[in-house]
Amino acid sequence: MTDFRYPAVDIEFLEQMIMASGKLEKGGIQKLAGYTKYFIEGRQAIHKRTITANEVGPGQTGFEQSIGIAIKFKFLPALLDWLEKHRNWRDGAYFVPETQN
């Protein structure tokens, strides 16, 4: 379960960065029932080359998974810049506004 105090990340942004990394296998993105799987090129076993991201909202994945994917594909600085620009988030400074009833 994702922490509500952290922002969600658009899967579209993640896919752009993963494709730009050059580590993705040709046709290596599979989407099924709220999950997106990314397959890395290589000769290792498929379970070692598969990364799964689940959707926490329409077209969005959780902060924690996004950070893990960004570290694995080496685009963490770009992700943090994206979060600051699109979600107005800095370390410890993002809060979901409460709705008034």
PDB file of N, CA and C in Angstrom:
ATOM      1  N   MET A   1       0.846  -1.175   0.000  1.00  0.00           N
ATOM      2  CA  MET A   1       0.000   0.000   0.000  1.00  0.00           C
ATOM      3  C   MET A   1       0.886   1.231   0.000  1.00  0.00           C
ATOM      4  N   THR A   2       0.570   2.147  -0.858  1.00  0.00           N
ATOM      5  CA  THR A   2       1.364   3.358  -0.952  1.00  0.00           C
ATOM      6  C   THR A   2       0.969   4.356   0.136  1.00  0.00           C
ATOM      7  N   ASP A   3       1.899   5.139   0.594  1.00  0.00           N
ATOM      8  CA  ASP A   3       1.655   6.146   1.622  1.00  0.00           C
ATOM      9  C   ASP A   3       0.987   7.350   0.976  1.00  0.00           C
ATOM     10  N   PHE A   4      -0.140   7.807   1.530  1.00  0.00           N
ATOM     11  CA  PHE A   4      -0.888   8.895   0.922  1.00  0.00           C
ATOM     12  C   PHE A   4      -0.137  10.228   0.954  1.00  0.00           C
ATOM     13  N   ARG A   5       0.904  10.330   1.758  1.00  0.00           N
ATOM     14  CA  ARG A   5       1.665  11.581   1.820  1.00  0.00           C
ATOM     15  C   ARG A   5       2.677  11.714   0.696  1.00  0.00           C
ATOM     16  N   TYR A   6       2.900  10.644  -0.036  1.00  0.00           N
ATOM     17  CA  TYR A   6       3.819  10.696  -1.162  1.00  0.00           C
ATOM     18  C   TYR A   6       3.036  10.848  -2.462  1.00  0.00           C
ATOM     19  N   PRO A   7       3.577  11.562  -3.426  1.00  0.00           N
ATOM     20  CA  PRO A   7       2.853  11.742  -4.693  1.00  0.00           C
ATOM     21  C   PRO A   7       2.948  10.506  -5.575  1.00  0.00           C
ATOM     22  N   ALA A   8       1.946  10.343  -6.420  1.00  0.00           N
ATOM     23  CA  ALA A   8       1.985   9.284  -7.425  1.00  0.00           C
ATOM     24  C   ALA A   8       2.746   9.807  -8.648  1.00  0.00           C
ATOM     25  N   VAL A   9       3.264   8.881  -9.440  1.00  0.00           N
ATOM     26  CA  VAL A   9       4.052   9.237 -10.620  1.00  0.00           C
ATOM     27  C   VAL A   9       3.340   8.688 -11.851  1.00  0.00           C
ATOM     28  N   ASP A  10       3.280   9.482 -12.906  1.00  0.00           N
ATOM     29  CA  ASP A  10       2.635   9.047 -14.143  1.00  0.00           C
ATOM     30  C   ASP A  10       3.439   7.922 -14.790  1.00  0.00           C
ATOM     31  N   ILE A  11       2.749   6.858 -15.153  1.00  0.00           N
ATOM     32  CA  ILE A  11       3.397   5.719 -15.807  1.00  0.00           C
ATOM     33  C   ILE A  11       3.969   6.148 -17.158  1.00  0.00           C
ATOM     34  N   GLU A  12       3.310   7.079 -17.821  1.00  0.00           N
ATOM     35  CA  GLU A  12       3.800   7.569 -19.116  1.00  0.00           C
ATOM     36  C   GLU A  12       5.205   8.159 -18.985  1.00  0.00           C
ATOM     37  N   PHE A  13       5.449   8.928 -17.919  1.00  0.00           N
ATOM     38  CA  PHE A  13       6.785   9.488 -17.675  1.00  0.00           C
ATOM     39  C   PHE A  13       7.797   8.365 -17.439  1.00  0.00           C
ATOM     40  N   LEU A  14       7.417   7.390 -16.602  1.00  0.00           N
ATOM     41  CA  LEU A  14       8.329   6.274 -16.330  1.00  0.00           C
ATOM     42  C   LEU A  14       8.701   5.538 -17.615  1.00  0.00           C
ATOM     43  N   GLU A  15       7.698   5.282 -18.467  1.00  0.00           N
ATOM     44  CA  GLU A  15       7.973   4.566 -19.706  1.00  0.00           C
ATOM     45  C   GLU A  15       8.906   5.352 -20.619  1.00  0.00           C
ATOM     46  N   GLN A  16       8.740   6.663 -20.689  1.00  0.00           N
ATOM     47  CA  GLN A  16       9.639   7.486 -21.511  1.00  0.00           C
ATOM     48  C   GLN A  16      11.071   7.370 -21.012  1.00  0.00           C
ATOM     49  N   MET A  17      11.261   7.440 -19.710  1.00  0.00           N
ATOM     50  CA  MET A  17      12.601   7.372 -19.138  1.00  0.00           C
ATOM     51  C   MET A  17      13.202   5.969 -19.288  1.00  0.00           C
ATOM     52  N   ILE A  18      12.376   4.940 -19.133  1.00  0.00           N
ATOM     53  CA  ILE A  18      12.870   3.565 -19.289  1.00  0.00           C
ATOM     54  C   ILE A  18      13.308   3.322 -20.725  1.00  0.00           C
ATOM     55  N   MET A  19      12.517   3.782 -21.690  1.00  0.00           N
ATOM     56  CA  MET A  19      12.884   3.619 -23.096  1.00  0.00           C
ATOM     57  C   MET A  19      14.153   4.395 -23.430  1.00  0.00           C
ATOM     58  N   ALA A  20      14.321   5.565 -22.840  1.00  0.00           N
ATOM     59  CA  ALA A  20      15.508   6.378 -23.093  1.00  0.00           C
ATOM     60  C   ALA A  20      16.759   5.753 -22.477  1.00  0.00           C
ATOM     61  N   SER A  21      16.600   4.890 -21.482  1.00  0.00           N
ATOM     62  CA  SER A  21      17.762   4.281 -20.827  1.00  0.00           C
ATOM     63  C   SER A  21      18.488   3.296 -21.740  1.00  0.00           C
ATOM     64  N   GLY A  22      17.777   2.721 -22.719  1.00  0.00           N
ATOM     65  CA  GLY A  22      18.390   1.758 -23.622  1.00  0.00           C
ATOM     66  C   GLY A  22      18.534   0.359 -23.046  1.00  0.00           C
ATOM     67  N   LYS A  23      17.997   0.110 -21.858  1.00  0.00           N
ATOM     68  CA  LYS A  23      18.115  -1.203 -21.229  1.00  0.00           C
ATOM     69  C   LYS A  23      16.914  -2.089 -21.486  1.00  0.00           C
ATOM     70  N   LEU A  24      15.869  -1.530 -22.083  1.00  0.00           N
ATOM     71  CA  LEU A  24      14.626  -2.259 -22.271  1.00  0.00           C
ATOM     72  C   LEU A  24      14.717  -3.187 -23.477  1.00  0.00           C
ATOM     73  N   GLU A  25      14.209  -4.401 -23.317  1.00  0.00           N
ATOM     74  CA  GLU A  25      14.154  -5.351 -24.419  1.00  0.00           C
ATOM     75  C   GLU A  25      13.152  -4.853 -25.464  1.00  0.00           C
ATOM     76  N   LYS A  26      13.365  -5.196 -26.717  1.00  0.00           N
ATOM     77  CA  LYS A  26      12.446  -4.780 -27.784  1.00  0.00           C
ATOM     78  C   LYS A  26      11.054  -5.360 -27.509  1.00  0.00           C
ATOM     79  N   GLY A  27      10.046  -4.482 -27.475  1.00  0.00           N
ATOM     80  CA  GLY A  27       8.692  -4.909 -27.128  1.00  0.00           C
ATOM     81  C   GLY A  27       8.577  -5.310 -25.681  1.00  0.00           C
ATOM     82  N   GLY A  28       9.398  -4.722 -24.833  1.00  0.00           N
ATOM     83  CA  GLY A  28       9.519  -5.136 -23.441  1.00  0.00           C
ATOM     84  C   GLY A  28       8.584  -4.475 -22.460  1.00  0.00           C
ATOM     85  N   ILE A  29       7.445  -3.962 -22.920  1.00  0.00           N
ATOM     86  CA  ILE A  29       6.458  -3.395 -22.009  1.00  0.00           C
ATOM     87  C   ILE A  29       5.159  -4.165 -22.198  1.00  0.00           C
ATOM     88  N   GLN A  30       4.654  -4.726 -21.121  1.00  0.00           N
ATOM     89  CA  GLN A  30       3.393  -5.471 -21.140  1.00  0.00           C
ATOM     90  C   GLN A  30       2.461  -4.868 -20.105  1.00  0.00           C
ATOM     91  N   LYS A  31       1.209  -4.586 -20.494  1.00  0.00           N
ATOM     92  CA  LYS A  31       0.222  -4.033 -19.569  1.00  0.00           C
ATOM     93  C   LYS A  31      -0.925  -5.022 -19.434  1.00  0.00           C
ATOM     94  N   LEU A  32      -1.332  -5.254 -18.176  1.00  0.00           N
ATOM     95  CA  LEU A  32      -2.420  -6.179 -17.922  1.00  0.00           C
ATOM     96  C   LEU A  32      -3.057  -5.867 -16.575  1.00  0.00           C
ATOM     97  N   ALA A  33      -4.332  -5.560 -16.586  1.00  0.00           N
ATOM     98  CA  ALA A  33      -5.160  -5.441 -15.381  1.00  0.00           C
ATOM     99  C   ALA A  33      -4.518  -4.602 -14.273  1.00  0.00           C
ATOM    100  N   GLY A  34      -4.111  -3.404 -14.584  1.00  0.00           N
ATOM    101  CA  GLY A  34      -3.562  -2.524 -13.557  1.00  0.00           C
ATOM    102  C   GLY A  34      -2.093  -2.729 -13.250  1.00  0.00           C
ATOM    103  N   TYR A  35      -1.426  -3.597 -13.981  1.00  0.00           N
ATOM    104  CA  TYR A  35      -0.004  -3.832 -13.797  1.00  0.00           C
ATOM    105  C   TYR A  35       0.725  -3.540 -15.098  1.00  0.00           C
ATOM    106  N   THR A  36       1.937  -3.019 -14.977  1.00  0.00           N
ATOM    107  CA  THR A  36       2.794  -2.840 -16.136  1.00  0.00           C
ATOM    108  C   THR A  36       4.095  -3.568 -15.844  1.00  0.00           C
ATOM    109  N   LYS A  37       4.508  -4.420 -16.774  1.00  0.00           N
ATOM    110  CA  LYS A  37       5.759  -5.168 -16.624  1.00  0.00           C
ATOM    111  C   LYS A  37       6.766  -4.672 -17.642  1.00  0.00           C
ATOM    112  N   TYR A  38       8.001  -4.499 -17.188  1.00  0.00           N
ATOM    113  CA  TYR A  38       9.105  -4.064 -18.042  1.00  0.00           C
ATOM    114  C   TYR A  38      10.133  -5.192 -18.057  1.00  0.00           C
ATOM    115  N   PHE A  39      10.599  -5.532 -19.256  1.00  0.00           N
ATOM    116  CA  PHE A  39      11.578  -6.603 -19.411  1.00  0.00           C
ATOM    117  C   PHE A  39      12.902  -6.006 -19.872  1.00  0.00           C
ATOM    118  N   ILE A  40      13.945  -6.249 -19.090  1.00  0.00           N
ATOM    119  CA  ILE A  40      15.277  -5.734 -19.372  1.00  0.00           C
ATOM    120  C   ILE A  40      15.991  -6.697 -20.309  1.00  0.00           C
ATOM    121  N   GLU A  41      16.806  -6.140 -21.216  1.00  0.00           N
ATOM    122  CA  GLU A  41      17.612  -6.977 -22.106  1.00  0.00           C
ATOM    123  C   GLU A  41      18.643  -7.747 -21.300  1.00  0.00           C
ATOM    124  N   GLY A  42      19.013  -8.904 -21.802  1.00  0.00           N
ATOM    125  CA  GLY A  42      20.075  -9.655 -21.144  1.00  0.00           C
ATOM    126  C   GLY A  42      19.876 -11.144 -21.286  1.00  0.00           C
ATOM    127  N   ARG A  43      20.803 -11.876 -20.694  1.00  0.00           N
ATOM    128  CA  ARG A  43      20.772 -13.333 -20.802  1.00  0.00           C
ATOM    129  C   ARG A  43      20.436 -13.983 -19.470  1.00  0.00           C
ATOM    130  N   GLN A  44      20.110 -13.200 -18.472  1.00  0.00           N
ATOM    131  CA  GLN A  44      19.752 -13.763 -17.175  1.00  0.00           C
ATOM    132  C   GLN A  44      18.356 -14.379 -17.243  1.00  0.00           C
ATOM    133  N   ALA A  45      17.985 -15.073 -16.196  1.00  0.00           N
ATOM    134  CA  ALA A  45      16.641 -15.651 -16.101  1.00  0.00           C
ATOM    135  C   ALA A  45      15.599 -14.534 -16.160  1.00  0.00           C
ATOM    136  N   ILE A  46      14.427 -14.844 -16.699  1.00  0.00           N
ATOM    137  CA  ILE A  46      13.403 -13.834 -16.921  1.00  0.00           C
ATOM    138  C   ILE A  46      12.928 -13.191 -15.614  1.00  0.00           C
ATOM    139  N   HIS A  47      12.897 -13.942 -14.520  1.00  0.00           N
ATOM    140  CA  HIS A  47      12.449 -13.353 -13.262  1.00  0.00           C
ATOM    141  C   HIS A  47      13.436 -12.305 -12.731  1.00  0.00           C
ATOM    142  N   LYS A  48      14.683 -12.379 -13.147  1.00  0.00           N
ATOM    143  CA  LYS A  48      15.664 -11.380 -12.738  1.00  0.00           C
ATOM    144  C   LYS A  48      15.631 -10.151 -13.633  1.00  0.00           C
ATOM    145  N   ARG A  49      15.018 -10.283 -14.810  1.00  0.00           N
ATOM    146  CA  ARG A  49      14.964  -9.177 -15.757  1.00  0.00           C
ATOM    147  C   ARG A  49      13.590  -8.519 -15.825  1.00  0.00           C
ATOM    148  N   THR A  50      12.666  -8.924 -14.976  1.00  0.00           N
ATOM    149  CA  THR A  50      11.309  -8.405 -15.009  1.00  0.00           C
ATOM    150  C   THR A  50      11.085  -7.434 -13.864  1.00  0.00           C
ATOM    151  N   ILE A  51      10.529  -6.278 -14.189  1.00  0.00           N
ATOM    152  CA  ILE A  51      10.175  -5.276 -13.187  1.00  0.00           C
ATOM    153  C   ILE A  51       8.686  -5.011 -13.333  1.00  0.00           C
ATOM    154  N   THR A  52       7.961  -5.042 -12.225  1.00  0.00           N
ATOM    155  CA  THR A  52       6.516  -4.842 -12.249  1.00  0.00           C
ATOM    156  C   THR A  52       6.157  -3.573 -11.498  1.00  0.00           C
ATOM    157  N   ALA A  53       5.268  -2.779 -12.097  1.00  0.00           N
ATOM    158  CA  ALA A  53       4.735  -1.582 -11.444  1.00  0.00           C
ATOM    159  C   ALA A  53       3.218  -1.704 -11.428  1.00  0.00           C
ATOM    160  N   ASN A  54       2.619  -1.560 -10.247  1.00  0.00           N
ATOM    161  CA  ASN A  54       1.166  -1.621 -10.185  1.00  0.00           C
ATOM    162  C   ASN A  54       0.591  -0.208 -10.113  1.00  0.00           C
ATOM    163  N   GLU A  55      -0.597  -0.052 -10.666  1.00  0.00           N
ATOM    164  CA  GLU A  55      -1.242   1.256 -10.698  1.00  0.00           C
ATOM    165  C   GLU A  55      -1.954   1.513  -9.376  1.00  0.00           C
ATOM    166  N   VAL A  56      -1.749   2.708  -8.816  1.00  0.00           N
ATOM    167  CA  VAL A  56      -2.454   3.121  -7.611  1.00  0.00           C
ATOM    168  C   VAL A  56      -3.605   4.061  -7.969  1.00  0.00           C
ATOM    169  N   GLY A  57      -3.620   4.499  -9.198  1.00  0.00           N
ATOM    170  CA  GLY A  57      -4.667   5.352  -9.739  1.00  0.00           C
ATOM    171  C   GLY A  57      -4.628   5.211 -11.237  1.00  0.00           C
ATOM    172  N   PRO A  58      -5.556   5.832 -11.937  1.00  0.00           N
ATOM    173  CA  PRO A  58      -5.538   5.693 -13.393  1.00  0.00           C
ATOM    174  C   PRO A  58      -4.267   6.290 -14.010  1.00  0.00           C
ATOM    175  N   GLY A  59      -3.428   5.424 -14.592  1.00  0.00           N
ATOM    176  CA  GLY A  59      -2.201   5.875 -15.242  1.00  0.00           C
ATOM    177  C   GLY A  59      -1.115   6.339 -14.296  1.00  0.00           C
ATOM    178  N   GLN A  60      -1.201   5.953 -13.026  1.00  0.00           N
ATOM    179  CA  GLN A  60      -0.206   6.379 -12.042  1.00  0.00           C
ATOM    180  C   GLN A  60       0.278   5.190 -11.225  1.00  0.00           C
ATOM    181  N   THR A  61       1.511   5.280 -10.823  1.00  0.00           N
ATOM    182  CA  THR A  61       2.102   4.264  -9.951  1.00  0.00           C
ATOM    183  C   THR A  61       2.594   4.933  -8.680  1.00  0.00           C
ATOM    184  N   GLY A  62       2.844   4.146  -7.658  1.00  0.00           N
ATOM    185  CA  GLY A  62       3.226   4.673  -6.361  1.00  0.00           C
ATOM    186  C   GLY A  62       4.638   5.249  -6.332  1.00  0.00           C
ATOM    187  N   PHE A  63       4.860   6.119  -5.383  1.00  0.00           N
ATOM    188  CA  PHE A  63       6.146   6.786  -5.200  1.00  0.00           C
ATOM    189  C   PHE A  63       7.258   5.780  -4.940  1.00  0.00           C
ATOM    190  N   GLU A  64       6.990   4.826  -4.051  1.00  0.00           N
ATOM    191  CA  GLU A  64       8.029   3.879  -3.659  1.00  0.00           C
ATOM    192  C   GLU A  64       8.479   3.025  -4.840  1.00  0.00           C
ATOM    193  N   GLN A  65       7.530   2.517  -5.615  1.00  0.00           N
ATOM    194  CA  GLN A  65       7.901   1.713  -6.779  1.00  0.00           C
ATOM    195  C   GLN A  65       8.620   2.558  -7.821  1.00  0.00           C
ATOM    196  N   SER A  66       8.185   3.790  -7.988  1.00  0.00           N
ATOM    197  CA  SER A  66       8.818   4.677  -8.967  1.00  0.00           C
ATOM    198  C   SER A  66      10.277   4.939  -8.614  1.00  0.00           C
ATOM    199  N   ILE A  67      10.549   5.122  -7.345  1.00  0.00           N
ATOM    200  CA  ILE A  67      11.927   5.340  -6.903  1.00  0.00           C
ATOM    201  C   ILE A  67      12.773   4.095  -7.200  1.00  0.00           C
ATOM    202  N   GLY A  68      12.241   2.913  -6.895  1.00  0.00           N
ATOM    203  CA  GLY A  68      12.967   1.675  -7.169  1.00  0.00           C
ATOM    204  C   GLY A  68      13.257   1.490  -8.650  1.00  0.00           C
ATOM    205  N   ILE A  69      12.271   1.785  -9.492  1.00  0.00           N
ATOM    206  CA  ILE A  69      12.464   1.675 -10.940  1.00  0.00           C
ATOM    207  C   ILE A  69      13.498   2.691 -11.415  1.00  0.00           C
ATOM    208  N   ALA A  70      13.421   3.909 -10.892  1.00  0.00           N
ATOM    209  CA  ALA A  70      14.368   4.961 -11.291  1.00  0.00           C
ATOM    210  C   ALA A  70      15.796   4.596 -10.898  1.00  0.00           C
ATOM    211  N   ILE A  71      15.980   3.973  -9.764  1.00  0.00           N
ATOM    212  CA  ILE A  71      17.319   3.555  -9.340  1.00  0.00           C
ATOM    213  C   ILE A  71      17.833   2.449 -10.268  1.00  0.00           C
ATOM    214  N   LYS A  72      16.979   1.480 -10.579  1.00  0.00           N
ATOM    215  CA  LYS A  72      17.394   0.360 -11.429  1.00  0.00           C
ATOM    216  C   LYS A  72      17.755   0.821 -12.843  1.00  0.00           C
ATOM    217  N   PHE A  73      17.008   1.796 -13.386  1.00  0.00           N
ATOM    218  CA  PHE A  73      17.264   2.279 -14.736  1.00  0.00           C
ATOM    219  C   PHE A  73      18.115   3.555 -14.761  1.00  0.00           C
ATOM    220  N   LYS A  74      18.564   4.007 -13.589  1.00  0.00           N
ATOM    221  CA  LYS A  74      19.509   5.132 -13.459  1.00  0.00           C
ATOM    222  C   LYS A  74      18.957   6.462 -13.988  1.00  0.00           C
ATOM    223  N   PHE A  75      17.719   6.817 -13.560  1.00  0.00           N
ATOM    224  CA  PHE A  75      17.201   8.136 -13.889  1.00  0.00           C
ATOM    225  C   PHE A  75      16.574   8.816 -12.667  1.00  0.00           C
ATOM    226  N   LEU A  76      17.128   8.568 -11.490  1.00  0.00           N
ATOM    227  CA  LEU A  76      16.599   9.152 -10.260  1.00  0.00           C
ATOM    228  C   LEU A  76      16.609  10.681 -10.277  1.00  0.00           C
ATOM    229  N   PRO A  77      17.687  11.352 -10.707  1.00  0.00           N
ATOM    230  CA  PRO A  77      17.638  12.826 -10.738  1.00  0.00           C
ATOM    231  C   PRO A  77      16.516  13.361 -11.629  1.00  0.00           C
ATOM    232  N   ALA A  78      16.273  12.704 -12.756  1.00  0.00           N
ATOM    233  CA  ALA A  78      15.186  13.138 -13.651  1.00  0.00           C
ATOM    234  C   ALA A  78      13.828  12.938 -12.979  1.00  0.00           C
ATOM    235  N   LEU A  79      13.663  11.851 -12.235  1.00  0.00           N
ATOM    236  CA  LEU A  79      12.407  11.606 -11.529  1.00  0.00           C
ATOM    237  C   LEU A  79      12.176  12.666 -10.461  1.00  0.00           C
ATOM    238  N   LEU A  80      13.205  13.000  -9.704  1.00  0.00           N
ATOM    239  CA  LEU A  80      13.051  14.012  -8.663  1.00  0.00           C
ATOM    240  C   LEU A  80      12.750  15.385  -9.257  1.00  0.00           C
ATOM    241  N   ASP A  81      13.357  15.709 -10.395  1.00  0.00           N
ATOM    242  CA  ASP A  81      13.023  16.960 -11.087  1.00  0.00           C
ATOM    243  C   ASP A  81      11.574  16.952 -11.553  1.00  0.00           C
ATOM    244  N   TRP A  82      11.127  15.822 -12.084  1.00  0.00           N
ATOM    245  CA  TRP A  82       9.746  15.702 -12.546  1.00  0.00           C
ATOM    246  C   TRP A  82       8.769  15.886 -11.386  1.00  0.00           C
ATOM    247  N   LEU A  83       9.071  15.261 -10.237  1.00  0.00           N
ATOM    248  CA  LEU A  83       8.203  15.388  -9.067  1.00  0.00           C
ATOM    249  C   LEU A  83       8.119  16.830  -8.586  1.00  0.00           C
ATOM    250  N   GLU A  84       9.244  17.523  -8.598  1.00  0.00           N
ATOM    251  CA  GLU A  84       9.237  18.918  -8.159  1.00  0.00           C
ATOM    252  C   GLU A  84       8.435  19.791  -9.111  1.00  0.00           C
ATOM    253  N   LYS A  85       8.547  19.522 -10.411  1.00  0.00           N
ATOM    254  CA  LYS A  85       7.861  20.344 -11.403  1.00  0.00           C
ATOM    255  C   LYS A  85       6.369  20.018 -11.505  1.00  0.00           C
ATOM    256  N   HIS A  86       6.014  18.728 -11.550  1.00  0.00           N
ATOM    257  CA  HIS A  86       4.631  18.338 -11.794  1.00  0.00           C
ATOM    258  C   HIS A  86       3.800  18.099 -10.539  1.00  0.00           C
ATOM    259  N   ARG A  87       4.428  17.785  -9.433  1.00  0.00           N
ATOM    260  CA  ARG A  87       3.674  17.487  -8.216  1.00  0.00           C
ATOM    261  C   ARG A  87       3.996  18.459  -7.072  1.00  0.00           C
ATOM    262  N   ASN A  88       4.856  19.438  -7.351  1.00  0.00           N
ATOM    263  CA  ASN A  88       5.252  20.404  -6.331  1.00  0.00           C
ATOM    264  C   ASN A  88       5.745  19.682  -5.071  1.00  0.00           C
ATOM    265  N   TRP A  89       6.624  18.722  -5.261  1.00  0.00           N
ATOM    266  CA  TRP A  89       7.103  17.886  -4.171  1.00  0.00           C
ATOM    267  C   TRP A  89       8.601  18.043  -3.977  1.00  0.00           C
ATOM    268  N   ARG A  90       8.975  18.212  -2.743  1.00  0.00           N
ATOM    269  CA  ARG A  90      10.376  18.134  -2.327  1.00  0.00           C
ATOM    270  C   ARG A  90      10.420  17.218  -1.124  1.00  0.00           C
ATOM    271  N   ASP A  91      11.577  16.752  -0.771  1.00  0.00           N
ATOM    272  CA  ASP A  91      11.708  15.790   0.314  1.00  0.00           C
ATOM    273  C   ASP A  91      10.980  16.272   1.568  1.00  0.00           C
ATOM    274  N   GLY A  92       9.934  15.560   1.936  1.00  0.00           N
ATOM    275  CA  GLY A  92       9.183  15.873   3.145  1.00  0.00           C
ATOM    276  C   GLY A  92       8.211  17.031   3.015  1.00  0.00           C
ATOM    277  N   ALA A  93       7.993  17.545   1.819  1.00  0.00           N
ATOM    278  CA  ALA A  93       7.174  18.743   1.692  1.00  0.00           C
ATOM    279  C   ALA A  93       5.885  18.526   0.911  1.00  0.00           C
ATOM    280  N   TYR A  94       5.462  17.311   0.708  1.00  0.00           N
ATOM    281  CA  TYR A  94       4.248  17.045  -0.064  1.00  0.00           C
ATOM    282  C   TYR A  94       3.156  16.561   0.875  1.00  0.00           C
ATOM    283  N   PHE A  95       2.020  17.212   0.836  1.00  0.00           N
ATOM    284  CA  PHE A  95       0.877  16.785   1.636  1.00  0.00           C
ATOM    285  C   PHE A  95      -0.378  16.840   0.790  1.00  0.00           C
ATOM    286  N   VAL A  96      -1.215  15.846   0.921  1.00  0.00           N
ATOM    287  CA  VAL A  96      -2.476  15.824   0.194  1.00  0.00           C
ATOM    288  C   VAL A  96      -3.445  16.756   0.915  1.00  0.00           C
ATOM    289  N   PRO A  97      -3.998  17.745   0.204  1.00  0.00           N
ATOM    290  CA  PRO A  97      -4.934  18.653   0.873  1.00  0.00           C
ATOM    291  C   PRO A  97      -6.199  17.910   1.285  1.00  0.00           C
ATOM    292  N   GLU A  98      -6.686  18.202   2.483  1.00  0.00           N
ATOM    293  CA  GLU A  98      -7.906  17.564   2.960  1.00  0.00           C
ATOM    294  C   GLU A  98      -9.106  18.248   2.325  1.00  0.00           C
ATOM    295  N   THR A  99     -10.076  17.447   1.936  1.00  0.00           N
ATOM    296  CA  THR A  99     -11.292  18.032   1.376  1.00  0.00           C
ATOM    297  C   THR A  99     -12.229  18.403   2.504  1.00  0.00           C
ATOM    298  N   GLN A 100     -12.891  19.511   2.352  1.00  0.00           N
ATOM    299  CA  GLN A 100     -13.817  19.971   3.369  1.00  0.00           C
ATOM    300  C   GLN A 100     -15.209  19.481   3.038  1.00  0.00           C
ATOM    301  N   ASN A 101     -15.884  18.972   4.025  1.00  0.00           N
ATOM    302  CA  ASN A 101     -17.251  18.452   3.814  1.00  0.00           C
ATOM    303  C   ASN A 101     -18.265  19.508   4.129  1.00  0.00           C
TER     304      ASN A 101
END
